[in-house]
Amino acid sequence: MKAPMIVLSALLSCVVAGCGARQAQMEALNAPTANVAGTWTGFAGTGGTSVPVTLTLDQTDTAVTGNINVGGRPDFSGPVRGSVQGELLRLALPMTTLGQLQVRQDTITGVPFGGLPVTLRRVR
């Protein structure tokens, strides 16, 4: 009797967690359009393995263009195009989609590089 209750509790926990994540994404999409124009610097990676990242963006309404430089990774460096909707920034290189990033005021975070988390701060 305990095993079915544990399985049911685990499934319910997954559903609740999924709903919370979906709600957070919807809030980010419905937020006012973030201003991402400018230069952003930071690092991609975790622990002792990280590389410097510089992102320079121009923005016209929700359209974004610019350039990204990921230290030691020419495959993830070069001209980028994308869009911003609310607090969500989507970028792509000519041959690679970098994925979705979240913009919160002067910070951009996400996991765009093959599982490597990135944190960038706006240069003032």
PDB file of N, CA and C in Angstrom:
ATOM      1  N   MET A   1       0.814  -1.189   0.000  1.00  0.00           N
ATOM      2  CA  MET A   1       0.000   0.000   0.000  1.00  0.00           C
ATOM      3  C   MET A   1       0.863   1.261   0.000  1.00  0.00           C
ATOM      4  N   LYS A   2       2.027   1.181   0.659  1.00  0.00           N
ATOM      5  CA  LYS A   2       2.892   2.351   0.721  1.00  0.00           C
ATOM      6  C   LYS A   2       3.499   2.685  -0.636  1.00  0.00           C
ATOM      7  N   ALA A   3       3.875   1.673  -1.414  1.00  0.00           N
ATOM      8  CA  ALA A   3       4.527   1.910  -2.703  1.00  0.00           C
ATOM      9  C   ALA A   3       3.647   2.713  -3.650  1.00  0.00           C
ATOM     10  N   PRO A   4       2.350   2.381  -3.836  1.00  0.00           N
ATOM     11  CA  PRO A   4       1.517   3.198  -4.723  1.00  0.00           C
ATOM     12  C   PRO A   4       1.382   4.641  -4.235  1.00  0.00           C
ATOM     13  N   MET A   5       1.333   4.836  -2.943  1.00  0.00           N
ATOM     14  CA  MET A   5       1.218   6.200  -2.395  1.00  0.00           C
ATOM     15  C   MET A   5       2.493   6.998  -2.664  1.00  0.00           C
ATOM     16  N   ILE A   6       3.630   6.330  -2.559  1.00  0.00           N
ATOM     17  CA  ILE A   6       4.906   7.014  -2.824  1.00  0.00           C
ATOM     18  C   ILE A   6       4.985   7.400  -4.290  1.00  0.00           C
ATOM     19  N   VAL A   7       4.608   6.467  -5.178  1.00  0.00           N
ATOM     20  CA  VAL A   7       4.625   6.759  -6.616  1.00  0.00           C
ATOM     21  C   VAL A   7       3.669   7.893  -6.936  1.00  0.00           C
ATOM     22  N   LEU A   8       2.470   7.849  -6.370  1.00  0.00           N
ATOM     23  CA  LEU A   8       1.481   8.900  -6.599  1.00  0.00           C
ATOM     24  C   LEU A   8       1.991  10.249  -6.091  1.00  0.00           C
ATOM     25  N   SER A   9       2.611  10.255  -4.927  1.00  0.00           N
ATOM     26  CA  SER A   9       3.180  11.502  -4.389  1.00  0.00           C
ATOM     27  C   SER A   9       4.289  12.042  -5.280  1.00  0.00           C
ATOM     28  N   ALA A  10       5.134  11.152  -5.790  1.00  0.00           N
ATOM     29  CA  ALA A  10       6.225  11.576  -6.674  1.00  0.00           C
ATOM     30  C   ALA A  10       5.678  12.168  -7.963  1.00  0.00           C
ATOM     31  N   LEU A  11       4.662  11.517  -8.545  1.00  0.00           N
ATOM     32  CA  LEU A  11       4.061  12.042  -9.772  1.00  0.00           C
ATOM     33  C   LEU A  11       3.408  13.395  -9.543  1.00  0.00           C
ATOM     34  N   LEU A  12       2.713  13.538  -8.439  1.00  0.00           N
ATOM     35  CA  LEU A  12       2.071  14.813  -8.117  1.00  0.00           C
ATOM     36  C   LEU A  12       3.116  15.912  -7.927  1.00  0.00           C
ATOM     37  N   SER A  13       4.236  15.585  -7.304  1.00  0.00           N
ATOM     38  CA  SER A  13       5.315  16.562  -7.124  1.00  0.00           C
ATOM     39  C   SER A  13       5.868  17.023  -8.470  1.00  0.00           C
ATOM     40  N   CYS A  14       6.029  16.090  -9.409  1.00  0.00           N
ATOM     41  CA  CYS A  14       6.525  16.444 -10.743  1.00  0.00           C
ATOM     42  C   CYS A  14       5.552  17.362 -11.466  1.00  0.00           C
ATOM     43  N   VAL A  15       4.267  17.066 -11.362  1.00  0.00           N
ATOM     44  CA  VAL A  15       3.257  17.906 -12.013  1.00  0.00           C
ATOM     45  C   VAL A  15       3.273  19.308 -11.423  1.00  0.00           C
ATOM     46  N   VAL A  16       3.330  19.413 -10.107  1.00  0.00           N
ATOM     47  CA  VAL A  16       3.351  20.725  -9.451  1.00  0.00           C
ATOM     48  C   VAL A  16       4.602  21.497  -9.839  1.00  0.00           C
ATOM     49  N   ALA A  17       5.758  20.841  -9.872  1.00  0.00           N
ATOM     50  CA  ALA A  17       7.006  21.512 -10.265  1.00  0.00           C
ATOM     51  C   ALA A  17       6.936  21.984 -11.704  1.00  0.00           C
ATOM     52  N   GLY A  18       6.383  21.156 -12.584  1.00  0.00           N
ATOM     53  CA  GLY A  18       6.243  21.541 -13.984  1.00  0.00           C
ATOM     54  C   GLY A  18       5.332  22.731 -14.148  1.00  0.00           C
ATOM     55  N   CYS A  19       4.253  22.780 -13.405  1.00  0.00           N
ATOM     56  CA  CYS A  19       3.333  23.921 -13.471  1.00  0.00           C
ATOM     57  C   CYS A  19       4.014  25.195 -12.993  1.00  0.00           C
ATOM     58  N   GLY A  20       4.835  25.091 -11.962  1.00  0.00           N
ATOM     59  CA  GLY A  20       5.551  26.261 -11.458  1.00  0.00           C
ATOM     60  C   GLY A  20       6.539  26.795 -12.470  1.00  0.00           C
ATOM     61  N   ALA A  21       7.254  25.892 -13.150  1.00  0.00           N
ATOM     62  CA  ALA A  21       8.214  26.310 -14.170  1.00  0.00           C
ATOM     63  C   ALA A  21       7.496  26.957 -15.337  1.00  0.00           C
ATOM     64  N   ARG A  22       6.383  26.402 -15.732  1.00  0.00           N
ATOM     65  CA  ARG A  22       5.600  26.965 -16.846  1.00  0.00           C
ATOM     66  C   ARG A  22       5.077  28.345 -16.484  1.00  0.00           C
ATOM     67  N   GLN A  23       4.636  28.511 -15.241  1.00  0.00           N
ATOM     68  CA  GLN A  23       4.134  29.809 -14.800  1.00  0.00           C
ATOM     69  C   GLN A  23       5.257  30.854 -14.815  1.00  0.00           C
ATOM     70  N   ALA A  24       6.443  30.472 -14.381  1.00  0.00           N
ATOM     71  CA  ALA A  24       7.579  31.404 -14.395  1.00  0.00           C
ATOM     72  C   ALA A  24       7.920  31.813 -15.824  1.00  0.00           C
ATOM     73  N   GLN A  25       7.856  30.854 -16.770  1.00  0.00           N
ATOM     74  CA  GLN A  25       8.150  31.180 -18.163  1.00  0.00           C
ATOM     75  C   GLN A  25       7.091  32.123 -18.728  1.00  0.00           C
ATOM     76  N   MET A  26       5.831  31.888 -18.401  1.00  0.00           N
ATOM     77  CA  MET A  26       4.760  32.754 -18.886  1.00  0.00           C
ATOM     78  C   MET A  26       4.911  34.171 -18.335  1.00  0.00           C
ATOM     79  N   GLU A  27       5.302  34.283 -17.067  1.00  0.00           N
ATOM     80  CA  GLU A  27       5.528  35.601 -16.478  1.00  0.00           C
ATOM     81  C   GLU A  27       6.663  36.318 -17.196  1.00  0.00           C
ATOM     82  N   ALA A  28       7.733  35.595 -17.524  1.00  0.00           N
ATOM     83  CA  ALA A  28       8.865  36.201 -18.231  1.00  0.00           C
ATOM     84  C   ALA A  28       8.451  36.644 -19.631  1.00  0.00           C
ATOM     85  N   LEU A  29       7.619  35.856 -20.302  1.00  0.00           N
ATOM     86  CA  LEU A  29       7.149  36.219 -21.645  1.00  0.00           C
ATOM     87  C   LEU A  29       6.238  37.436 -21.621  1.00  0.00           C
ATOM     88  N   ASN A  30       5.437  37.562 -20.586  1.00  0.00           N
ATOM     89  CA  ASN A  30       4.456  38.642 -20.504  1.00  0.00           C
ATOM     90  C   ASN A  30       4.988  39.904 -19.834  1.00  0.00           C
ATOM     91  N   ALA A  31       6.222  39.891 -19.380  1.00  0.00           N
ATOM     92  CA  ALA A  31       6.830  41.076 -18.783  1.00  0.00           C
ATOM     93  C   ALA A  31       7.060  42.126 -19.875  1.00  0.00           C
ATOM     94  N   PRO A  32       7.230  43.384 -19.497  1.00  0.00           N
ATOM     95  CA  PRO A  32       7.573  44.401 -20.503  1.00  0.00           C
ATOM     96  C   PRO A  32       8.852  43.990 -21.248  1.00  0.00           C
ATOM     97  N   THR A  33       8.949  44.357 -22.527  1.00  0.00           N
ATOM     98  CA  THR A  33      10.105  43.985 -23.340  1.00  0.00           C
ATOM     99  C   THR A  33      11.384  44.548 -22.731  1.00  0.00           C
ATOM    100  N   ALA A  34      12.326  43.665 -22.475  1.00  0.00           N
ATOM    101  CA  ALA A  34      13.600  44.061 -21.877  1.00  0.00           C
ATOM    102  C   ALA A  34      14.439  44.841 -22.876  1.00  0.00           C
ATOM    103  N   ASN A  35      15.226  45.765 -22.370  1.00  0.00           N
ATOM    104  CA  ASN A  35      16.194  46.507 -23.170  1.00  0.00           C
ATOM    105  C   ASN A  35      17.519  45.760 -23.075  1.00  0.00           C
ATOM    106  N   VAL A  36      17.937  45.124 -24.164  1.00  0.00           N
ATOM    107  CA  VAL A  36      19.172  44.346 -24.153  1.00  0.00           C
ATOM    108  C   VAL A  36      20.305  45.030 -24.915  1.00  0.00           C
ATOM    109  N   ALA A  37      20.062  46.223 -25.449  1.00  0.00           N
ATOM    110  CA  ALA A  37      21.090  46.926 -26.221  1.00  0.00           C
ATOM    111  C   ALA A  37      22.284  47.256 -25.330  1.00  0.00           C
ATOM    112  N   GLY A  38      23.468  47.053 -25.883  1.00  0.00           N
ATOM    113  CA  GLY A  38      24.680  47.397 -25.152  1.00  0.00           C
ATOM    114  C   GLY A  38      25.658  46.247 -25.133  1.00  0.00           C
ATOM    115  N   THR A  39      26.648  46.381 -24.268  1.00  0.00           N
ATOM    116  CA  THR A  39      27.691  45.369 -24.131  1.00  0.00           C
ATOM    117  C   THR A  39      27.510  44.643 -22.813  1.00  0.00           C
ATOM    118  N   TRP A  40      27.617  43.330 -22.884  1.00  0.00           N
ATOM    119  CA  TRP A  40      27.453  42.457 -21.729  1.00  0.00           C
ATOM    120  C   TRP A  40      28.700  41.589 -21.605  1.00  0.00           C
ATOM    121  N   THR A  41      29.213  41.410 -20.399  1.00  0.00           N
ATOM    122  CA  THR A  41      30.383  40.559 -20.193  1.00  0.00           C
ATOM    123  C   THR A  41      30.141  39.602 -19.035  1.00  0.00           C
ATOM    124  N   GLY A  42      30.827  38.484 -19.074  1.00  0.00           N
ATOM    125  CA  GLY A  42      30.705  37.512 -17.991  1.00  0.00           C
ATOM    126  C   GLY A  42      31.415  36.229 -18.352  1.00  0.00           C
ATOM    127  N   PHE A  43      30.865  35.119 -17.840  1.00  0.00           N
ATOM    128  CA  PHE A  43      31.501  33.825 -18.026  1.00  0.00           C
ATOM    129  C   PHE A  43      30.465  32.754 -18.325  1.00  0.00           C
ATOM    130  N   ALA A  44      30.905  31.732 -19.054  1.00  0.00           N
ATOM    131  CA  ALA A  44      30.111  30.527 -19.292  1.00  0.00           C
ATOM    132  C   ALA A  44      30.879  29.367 -18.684  1.00  0.00           C
ATOM    133  N   GLY A  45      30.181  28.509 -17.984  1.00  0.00           N
ATOM    134  CA  GLY A  45      30.820  27.355 -17.381  1.00  0.00           C
ATOM    135  C   GLY A  45      30.468  27.227 -15.917  1.00  0.00           C
ATOM    136  N   THR A  46      31.076  26.216 -15.292  1.00  0.00           N
ATOM    137  CA  THR A  46      30.832  25.967 -13.879  1.00  0.00           C
ATOM    138  C   THR A  46      32.147  25.684 -13.178  1.00  0.00           C
ATOM    139  N   GLY A  47      32.187  25.998 -11.909  1.00  0.00           N
ATOM    140  CA  GLY A  47      33.364  25.687 -11.095  1.00  0.00           C
ATOM    141  C   GLY A  47      34.646  26.207 -11.697  1.00  0.00           C
ATOM    142  N   GLY A  48      35.649  25.334 -11.783  1.00  0.00           N
ATOM    143  CA  GLY A  48      36.947  25.726 -12.309  1.00  0.00           C
ATOM    144  C   GLY A  48      37.018  25.749 -13.823  1.00  0.00           C
ATOM    145  N   THR A  49      35.945  25.359 -14.492  1.00  0.00           N
ATOM    146  CA  THR A  49      35.936  25.346 -15.947  1.00  0.00           C
ATOM    147  C   THR A  49      34.991  26.423 -16.454  1.00  0.00           C
ATOM    148  N   SER A  50      35.557  27.562 -16.800  1.00  0.00           N
ATOM    149  CA  SER A  50      34.725  28.631 -17.362  1.00  0.00           C
ATOM    150  C   SER A  50      35.530  29.412 -18.388  1.00  0.00           C
ATOM    151  N   VAL A  51      34.786  30.053 -19.294  1.00  0.00           N
ATOM    152  CA  VAL A  51      35.423  30.854 -20.334  1.00  0.00           C
ATOM    153  C   VAL A  51      34.766  32.233 -20.351  1.00  0.00           C
ATOM    154  N   PRO A  52      35.538  33.273 -20.694  1.00  0.00           N
ATOM    155  CA  PRO A  52      34.964  34.614 -20.755  1.00  0.00           C
ATOM    156  C   PRO A  52      34.024  34.749 -21.955  1.00  0.00           C
ATOM    157  N   VAL A  53      32.974  35.543 -21.767  1.00  0.00           N
ATOM    158  CA  VAL A  53      31.995  35.796 -22.823  1.00  0.00           C
ATOM    159  C   VAL A  53      31.756  37.301 -22.914  1.00  0.00           C
ATOM    160  N   THR A  54      31.775  37.825 -24.135  1.00  0.00           N
ATOM    161  CA  THR A  54      31.395  39.216 -24.394  1.00  0.00           C
ATOM    162  C   THR A  54      30.297  39.202 -25.441  1.00  0.00           C
ATOM    163  N   LEU A  55      29.211  39.902 -25.149  1.00  0.00           N
ATOM    164  CA  LEU A  55      28.057  39.973 -26.043  1.00  0.00           C
ATOM    165  C   LEU A  55      27.734  41.441 -26.261  1.00  0.00           C
ATOM    166  N   THR A  56      27.701  41.866 -27.518  1.00  0.00           N
ATOM    167  CA  THR A  56      27.343  43.241 -27.859  1.00  0.00           C
ATOM    168  C   THR A  56      26.085  43.180 -28.716  1.00  0.00           C
ATOM    169  N   LEU A  57      25.040  43.902 -28.273  1.00  0.00           N
ATOM    170  CA  LEU A  57      23.749  43.821 -28.948  1.00  0.00           C
ATOM    171  C   LEU A  57      23.199  45.192 -29.319  1.00  0.00           C
ATOM    172  N   ASP A  58      22.524  45.237 -30.465  1.00  0.00           N
ATOM    173  CA  ASP A  58      21.703  46.367 -30.888  1.00  0.00           C
ATOM    174  C   ASP A  58      20.265  45.861 -30.900  1.00  0.00           C
ATOM    175  N   GLN A  59      19.334  46.747 -30.559  1.00  0.00           N
ATOM    176  CA  GLN A  59      17.941  46.332 -30.486  1.00  0.00           C
ATOM    177  C   GLN A  59      17.043  47.346 -31.173  1.00  0.00           C
ATOM    178  N   THR A  60      16.134  46.860 -32.025  1.00  0.00           N
ATOM    179  CA  THR A  60      15.092  47.668 -32.649  1.00  0.00           C
ATOM    180  C   THR A  60      13.777  46.973 -32.343  1.00  0.00           C
ATOM    181  N   ASP A  61      12.978  47.574 -31.485  1.00  0.00           N
ATOM    182  CA  ASP A  61      11.753  46.944 -30.990  1.00  0.00           C
ATOM    183  C   ASP A  61      12.112  45.605 -30.357  1.00  0.00           C
ATOM    184  N   THR A  62      11.653  44.500 -30.937  1.00  0.00           N
ATOM    185  CA  THR A  62      11.973  43.189 -30.365  1.00  0.00           C
ATOM    186  C   THR A  62      13.080  42.466 -31.130  1.00  0.00           C
ATOM    187  N   ALA A  63      13.558  43.045 -32.235  1.00  0.00           N
ATOM    188  CA  ALA A  63      14.618  42.425 -33.035  1.00  0.00           C
ATOM    189  C   ALA A  63      15.990  42.775 -32.445  1.00  0.00           C
ATOM    190  N   VAL A  64      16.866  41.787 -32.425  1.00  0.00           N
ATOM    191  CA  VAL A  64      18.186  41.945 -31.824  1.00  0.00           C
ATOM    192  C   VAL A  64      19.246  41.453 -32.809  1.00  0.00           C
ATOM    193  N   THR A  65      20.324  42.223 -32.946  1.00  0.00           N
ATOM    194  CA  THR A  65      21.490  41.805 -33.723  1.00  0.00           C
ATOM    195  C   THR A  65      22.732  42.161 -32.924  1.00  0.00           C
ATOM    196  N   GLY A  66      23.840  41.520 -33.249  1.00  0.00           N
ATOM    197  CA  GLY A  66      25.063  41.853 -32.535  1.00  0.00           C
ATOM    198  C   GLY A  66      26.162  40.857 -32.789  1.00  0.00           C
ATOM    199  N   ASN A  67      27.034  40.723 -31.787  1.00  0.00           N
ATOM    200  CA  ASN A  67      28.195  39.859 -31.898  1.00  0.00           C
ATOM    201  C   ASN A  67      28.476  39.224 -30.540  1.00  0.00           C
ATOM    202  N   ILE A  68      28.861  37.951 -30.564  1.00  0.00           N
ATOM    203  CA  ILE A  68      29.245  37.263 -29.330  1.00  0.00           C
ATOM    204  C   ILE A  68      30.645  36.707 -29.495  1.00  0.00           C
ATOM    205  N   ASN A  69      31.424  36.783 -28.427  1.00  0.00           N
ATOM    206  CA  ASN A  69      32.764  36.221 -28.403  1.00  0.00           C
ATOM    207  C   ASN A  69      32.862  35.341 -27.164  1.00  0.00           C
ATOM    208  N   VAL A  70      33.014  34.038 -27.389  1.00  0.00           N
ATOM    209  CA  VAL A  70      33.164  33.074 -26.302  1.00  0.00           C
ATOM    210  C   VAL A  70      34.601  32.598 -26.327  1.00  0.00           C
ATOM    211  N   GLY A  71      35.353  32.908 -25.279  1.00  0.00           N
ATOM    212  CA  GLY A  71      36.784  32.604 -25.224  1.00  0.00           C
ATOM    213  C   GLY A  71      37.114  31.170 -25.577  1.00  0.00           C
ATOM    214  N   GLY A  72      37.973  30.984 -26.579  1.00  0.00           N
ATOM    215  CA  GLY A  72      38.422  29.664 -26.974  1.00  0.00           C
ATOM    216  C   GLY A  72      37.385  28.834 -27.723  1.00  0.00           C
ATOM    217  N   ARG A  73      36.255  29.438 -28.070  1.00  0.00           N
ATOM    218  CA  ARG A  73      35.197  28.693 -28.752  1.00  0.00           C
ATOM    219  C   ARG A  73      34.735  29.436 -30.003  1.00  0.00           C
ATOM    220  N   PRO A  74      35.493  29.340 -31.097  1.00  0.00           N
ATOM    221  CA  PRO A  74      35.076  30.010 -32.323  1.00  0.00           C
ATOM    222  C   PRO A  74      33.744  29.484 -32.857  1.00  0.00           C
ATOM    223  N   ASP A  75      33.383  28.249 -32.490  1.00  0.00           N
ATOM    224  CA  ASP A  75      32.103  27.689 -32.937  1.00  0.00           C
ATOM    225  C   ASP A  75      30.909  28.370 -32.265  1.00  0.00           C
ATOM    226  N   PHE A  76      31.139  29.022 -31.132  1.00  0.00           N
ATOM    227  CA  PHE A  76      30.086  29.760 -30.432  1.00  0.00           C
ATOM    228  C   PHE A  76      30.325  31.263 -30.481  1.00  0.00           C
ATOM    229  N   SER A  77      31.174  31.730 -31.380  1.00  0.00           N
ATOM    230  CA  SER A  77      31.482  33.155 -31.509  1.00  0.00           C
ATOM    231  C   SER A  77      31.106  33.647 -32.895  1.00  0.00           C
ATOM    232  N   GLY A  78      30.740  34.939 -32.979  1.00  0.00           N
ATOM    233  CA  GLY A  78      30.424  35.523 -34.273  1.00  0.00           C
ATOM    234  C   GLY A  78      29.158  36.363 -34.227  1.00  0.00           C
ATOM    235  N   PRO A  79      28.628  36.701 -35.403  1.00  0.00           N
ATOM    236  CA  PRO A  79      27.432  37.541 -35.459  1.00  0.00           C
ATOM    237  C   PRO A  79      26.197  36.772 -34.976  1.00  0.00           C
ATOM    238  N   VAL A  80      25.347  37.450 -34.222  1.00  0.00           N
ATOM    239  CA  VAL A  80      24.117  36.838 -33.719  1.00  0.00           C
ATOM    240  C   VAL A  80      22.905  37.649 -34.155  1.00  0.00           C
ATOM    241  N   ARG A  81      21.790  36.953 -34.277  1.00  0.00           N
ATOM    242  CA  ARG A  81      20.486  37.559 -34.536  1.00  0.00           C
ATOM    243  C   ARG A  81      19.509  36.902 -33.588  1.00  0.00           C
ATOM    244  N   GLY A  82      18.456  37.648 -33.267  1.00  0.00           N
ATOM    245  CA  GLY A  82      17.461  37.047 -32.401  1.00  0.00           C
ATOM    246  C   GLY A  82      16.329  37.997 -32.100  1.00  0.00           C
ATOM    247  N   SER A  83      15.649  37.681 -31.015  1.00  0.00           N
ATOM    248  CA  SER A  83      14.510  38.491 -30.600  1.00  0.00           C
ATOM    249  C   SER A  83      14.394  38.463 -29.088  1.00  0.00           C
ATOM    250  N   VAL A  84      13.703  39.466 -28.589  1.00  0.00           N
ATOM    251  CA  VAL A  84      13.417  39.528 -27.160  1.00  0.00           C
ATOM    252  C   VAL A  84      11.904  39.656 -27.001  1.00  0.00           C
ATOM    253  N   GLN A  85      11.361  38.835 -26.126  1.00  0.00           N
ATOM    254  CA  GLN A  85       9.947  38.899 -25.803  1.00  0.00           C
ATOM    255  C   GLN A  85       9.850  38.898 -24.288  1.00  0.00           C
ATOM    256  N   GLY A  86       9.355  40.002 -23.751  1.00  0.00           N
ATOM    257  CA  GLY A  86       9.338  40.128 -22.301  1.00  0.00           C
ATOM    258  C   GLY A  86      10.759  40.097 -21.782  1.00  0.00           C
ATOM    259  N   GLU A  87      11.039  39.152 -20.882  1.00  0.00           N
ATOM    260  CA  GLU A  87      12.383  38.992 -20.331  1.00  0.00           C
ATOM    261  C   GLU A  87      13.153  37.845 -20.985  1.00  0.00           C
ATOM    262  N   LEU A  88      12.599  37.268 -22.048  1.00  0.00           N
ATOM    263  CA  LEU A  88      13.254  36.130 -22.703  1.00  0.00           C
ATOM    264  C   LEU A  88      13.958  36.569 -23.978  1.00  0.00           C
ATOM    265  N   LEU A  89      15.233  36.250 -24.066  1.00  0.00           N
ATOM    266  CA  LEU A  89      16.085  36.599 -25.202  1.00  0.00           C
ATOM    267  C   LEU A  89      16.453  35.312 -25.926  1.00  0.00           C
ATOM    268  N   ARG A  90      16.174  35.287 -27.214  1.00  0.00           N
ATOM    269  CA  ARG A  90      16.543  34.135 -28.046  1.00  0.00           C
ATOM    270  C   ARG A  90      17.594  34.605 -29.051  1.00  0.00           C
ATOM    271  N   LEU A  91      18.716  33.888 -29.113  1.00  0.00           N
ATOM    272  CA  LEU A  91      19.805  34.258 -30.012  1.00  0.00           C
ATOM    273  C   LEU A  91      20.242  33.060 -30.844  1.00  0.00           C
ATOM    274  N   ALA A  92      20.749  33.369 -32.032  1.00  0.00           N
ATOM    275  CA  ALA A  92      21.300  32.323 -32.891  1.00  0.00           C
ATOM    276  C   ALA A  92      22.487  32.862 -33.663  1.00  0.00           C
ATOM    277  N   LEU A  93      23.497  32.028 -33.808  1.00  0.00           N
ATOM    278  CA  LEU A  93      24.599  32.270 -34.727  1.00  0.00           C
ATOM    279  C   LEU A  93      24.137  31.799 -36.100  1.00  0.00           C
ATOM    280  N   PRO A  94      24.867  32.121 -37.161  1.00  0.00           N
ATOM    281  CA  PRO A  94      24.429  31.685 -38.486  1.00  0.00           C
ATOM    282  C   PRO A  94      24.189  30.172 -38.591  1.00  0.00           C
ATOM    283  N   MET A  95      24.964  29.360 -37.886  1.00  0.00           N
ATOM    284  CA  MET A  95      24.836  27.895 -38.009  1.00  0.00           C
ATOM    285  C   MET A  95      24.384  27.215 -36.714  1.00  0.00           C
ATOM    286  N   THR A  96      24.164  27.972 -35.631  1.00  0.00           N
ATOM    287  CA  THR A  96      23.849  27.368 -34.336  1.00  0.00           C
ATOM    288  C   THR A  96      22.842  28.216 -33.577  1.00  0.00           C
ATOM    289  N   THR A  97      21.807  27.587 -33.063  1.00  0.00           N
ATOM    290  CA  THR A  97      20.878  28.282 -32.178  1.00  0.00           C
ATOM    291  C   THR A  97      21.458  28.239 -30.775  1.00  0.00           C
ATOM    292  N   LEU A  98      21.576  29.395 -30.146  1.00  0.00           N
ATOM    293  CA  LEU A  98      22.165  29.454 -28.812  1.00  0.00           C
ATOM    294  C   LEU A  98      21.144  29.196 -27.720  1.00  0.00           C
ATOM    295  N   GLY A  99      19.875  29.272 -28.045  1.00  0.00           N
ATOM    296  CA  GLY A  99      18.877  28.970 -27.032  1.00  0.00           C
ATOM    297  C   GLY A  99      18.284  30.213 -26.409  1.00  0.00           C
ATOM    298  N   GLN A 100      17.608  29.982 -25.313  1.00  0.00           N
ATOM    299  CA  GLN A 100      16.844  31.025 -24.640  1.00  0.00           C
ATOM    300  C   GLN A 100      17.569  31.488 -23.385  1.00  0.00           C
ATOM    301  N   LEU A 101      17.648  32.784 -23.228  1.00  0.00           N
ATOM    302  CA  LEU A 101      18.278  33.391 -22.060  1.00  0.00           C
ATOM    303  C   LEU A 101      17.239  34.251 -21.342  1.00  0.00           C
ATOM    304  N   GLN A 102      17.458  34.485 -20.063  1.00  0.00           N
ATOM    305  CA  GLN A 102      16.549  35.341 -19.301  1.00  0.00           C
ATOM    306  C   GLN A 102      17.266  36.637 -18.956  1.00  0.00           C
ATOM    307  N   VAL A 103      16.557  37.751 -19.178  1.00  0.00           N
ATOM    308  CA  VAL A 103      17.097  39.081 -18.896  1.00  0.00           C
ATOM    309  C   VAL A 103      16.392  39.628 -17.666  1.00  0.00           C
ATOM    310  N   ARG A 104      17.159  40.005 -16.669  1.00  0.00           N
ATOM    311  CA  ARG A 104      16.622  40.647 -15.480  1.00  0.00           C
ATOM    312  C   ARG A 104      17.461  41.892 -15.225  1.00  0.00           C
ATOM    313  N   GLN A 105      16.908  43.037 -15.592  1.00  0.00           N
ATOM    314  CA  GLN A 105      17.583  44.326 -15.470  1.00  0.00           C
ATOM    315  C   GLN A 105      18.952  44.281 -16.128  1.00  0.00           C
ATOM    316  N   ASP A 106      20.032  44.253 -15.374  1.00  0.00           N
ATOM    317  CA  ASP A 106      21.383  44.294 -15.932  1.00  0.00           C
ATOM    318  C   ASP A 106      22.083  42.941 -15.907  1.00  0.00           C
ATOM    319  N   THR A 107      21.311  41.851 -15.896  1.00  0.00           N
ATOM    320  CA  THR A 107      21.881  40.509 -15.856  1.00  0.00           C
ATOM    321  C   THR A 107      21.178  39.614 -16.878  1.00  0.00           C
ATOM    322  N   ILE A 108      21.960  38.850 -17.623  1.00  0.00           N
ATOM    323  CA  ILE A 108      21.444  37.835 -18.535  1.00  0.00           C
ATOM    324  C   ILE A 108      21.956  36.488 -18.041  1.00  0.00           C
ATOM    325  N   THR A 109      21.048  35.518 -17.910  1.00  0.00           N
ATOM    326  CA  THR A 109      21.432  34.181 -17.474  1.00  0.00           C
ATOM    327  C   THR A 109      20.766  33.136 -18.368  1.00  0.00           C
ATOM    328  N   GLY A 110      21.340  31.949 -18.380  1.00  0.00           N
ATOM    329  CA  GLY A 110      20.754  30.852 -19.135  1.00  0.00           C
ATOM    330  C   GLY A 110      21.771  29.767 -19.390  1.00  0.00           C
ATOM    331  N   VAL A 111      21.372  28.808 -20.244  1.00  0.00           N
ATOM    332  CA  VAL A 111      22.238  27.678 -20.582  1.00  0.00           C
ATOM    333  C   VAL A 111      22.239  27.524 -22.104  1.00  0.00           C
ATOM    334  N   PRO A 112      22.926  28.451 -22.798  1.00  0.00           N
ATOM    335  CA  PRO A 112      22.879  28.420 -24.262  1.00  0.00           C
ATOM    336  C   PRO A 112      23.952  27.584 -24.937  1.00  0.00           C
ATOM    337  N   PHE A 113      25.011  27.232 -24.258  1.00  0.00           N
ATOM    338  CA  PHE A 113      26.174  26.603 -24.884  1.00  0.00           C
ATOM    339  C   PHE A 113      26.301  25.143 -24.492  1.00  0.00           C
ATOM    340  N   GLY A 114      25.556  24.282 -25.093  1.00  0.00           N
ATOM    341  CA  GLY A 114      25.717  22.858 -24.860  1.00  0.00           C
ATOM    342  C   GLY A 114      25.758  22.466 -23.397  1.00  0.00           C
ATOM    343  N   GLY A 115      24.895  23.022 -22.587  1.00  0.00           N
ATOM    344  CA  GLY A 115      24.818  22.667 -21.177  1.00  0.00           C
ATOM    345  C   GLY A 115      25.649  23.533 -20.255  1.00  0.00           C
ATOM    346  N   LEU A 116      26.398  24.491 -20.794  1.00  0.00           N
ATOM    347  CA  LEU A 116      27.188  25.373 -19.938  1.00  0.00           C
ATOM    348  C   LEU A 116      26.373  26.599 -19.542  1.00  0.00           C
ATOM    349  N   PRO A 117      26.171  26.811 -18.247  1.00  0.00           N
ATOM    350  CA  PRO A 117      25.434  27.999 -17.830  1.00  0.00           C
ATOM    351  C   PRO A 117      26.253  29.260 -18.086  1.00  0.00           C
ATOM    352  N   VAL A 118      25.558  30.347 -18.391  1.00  0.00           N
ATOM    353  CA  VAL A 118      26.214  31.623 -18.638  1.00  0.00           C
ATOM    354  C   VAL A 118      25.565  32.700 -17.770  1.00  0.00           C
ATOM    355  N   THR A 119      26.395  33.593 -17.271  1.00  0.00           N
ATOM    356  CA  THR A 119      25.926  34.767 -16.539  1.00  0.00           C
ATOM    357  C   THR A 119      26.668  35.971 -17.098  1.00  0.00           C
ATOM    358  N   LEU A 120      25.891  36.945 -17.608  1.00  0.00           N
ATOM    359  CA  LEU A 120      26.462  38.160 -18.174  1.00  0.00           C
ATOM    360  C   LEU A 120      25.899  39.369 -17.441  1.00  0.00           C
ATOM    361  N   ARG A 121      26.738  40.393 -17.299  1.00  0.00           N
ATOM    362  CA  ARG A 121      26.298  41.645 -16.696  1.00  0.00           C
ATOM    363  C   ARG A 121      26.526  42.785 -17.692  1.00  0.00           C
ATOM    364  N   ARG A 122      25.577  43.719 -17.701  1.00  0.00           N
ATOM    365  CA  ARG A 122      25.686  44.867 -18.606  1.00  0.00           C
ATOM    366  C   ARG A 122      26.864  45.744 -18.193  1.00  0.00           C
ATOM    367  N   VAL A 123      27.649  46.172 -19.195  1.00  0.00           N
ATOM    368  CA  VAL A 123      28.766  47.090 -18.957  1.00  0.00           C
ATOM    369  C   VAL A 123      28.199  48.504 -18.931  1.00  0.00           C
ATOM    370  N   ARG A 124      28.488  49.227 -17.896  1.00  0.00           N
ATOM    371  CA  ARG A 124      27.994  50.613 -17.771  1.00  0.00           C
ATOM    372  C   ARG A 124      29.128  51.578 -17.926  1.00  0.00           C
TER     373      ARG A 124
END
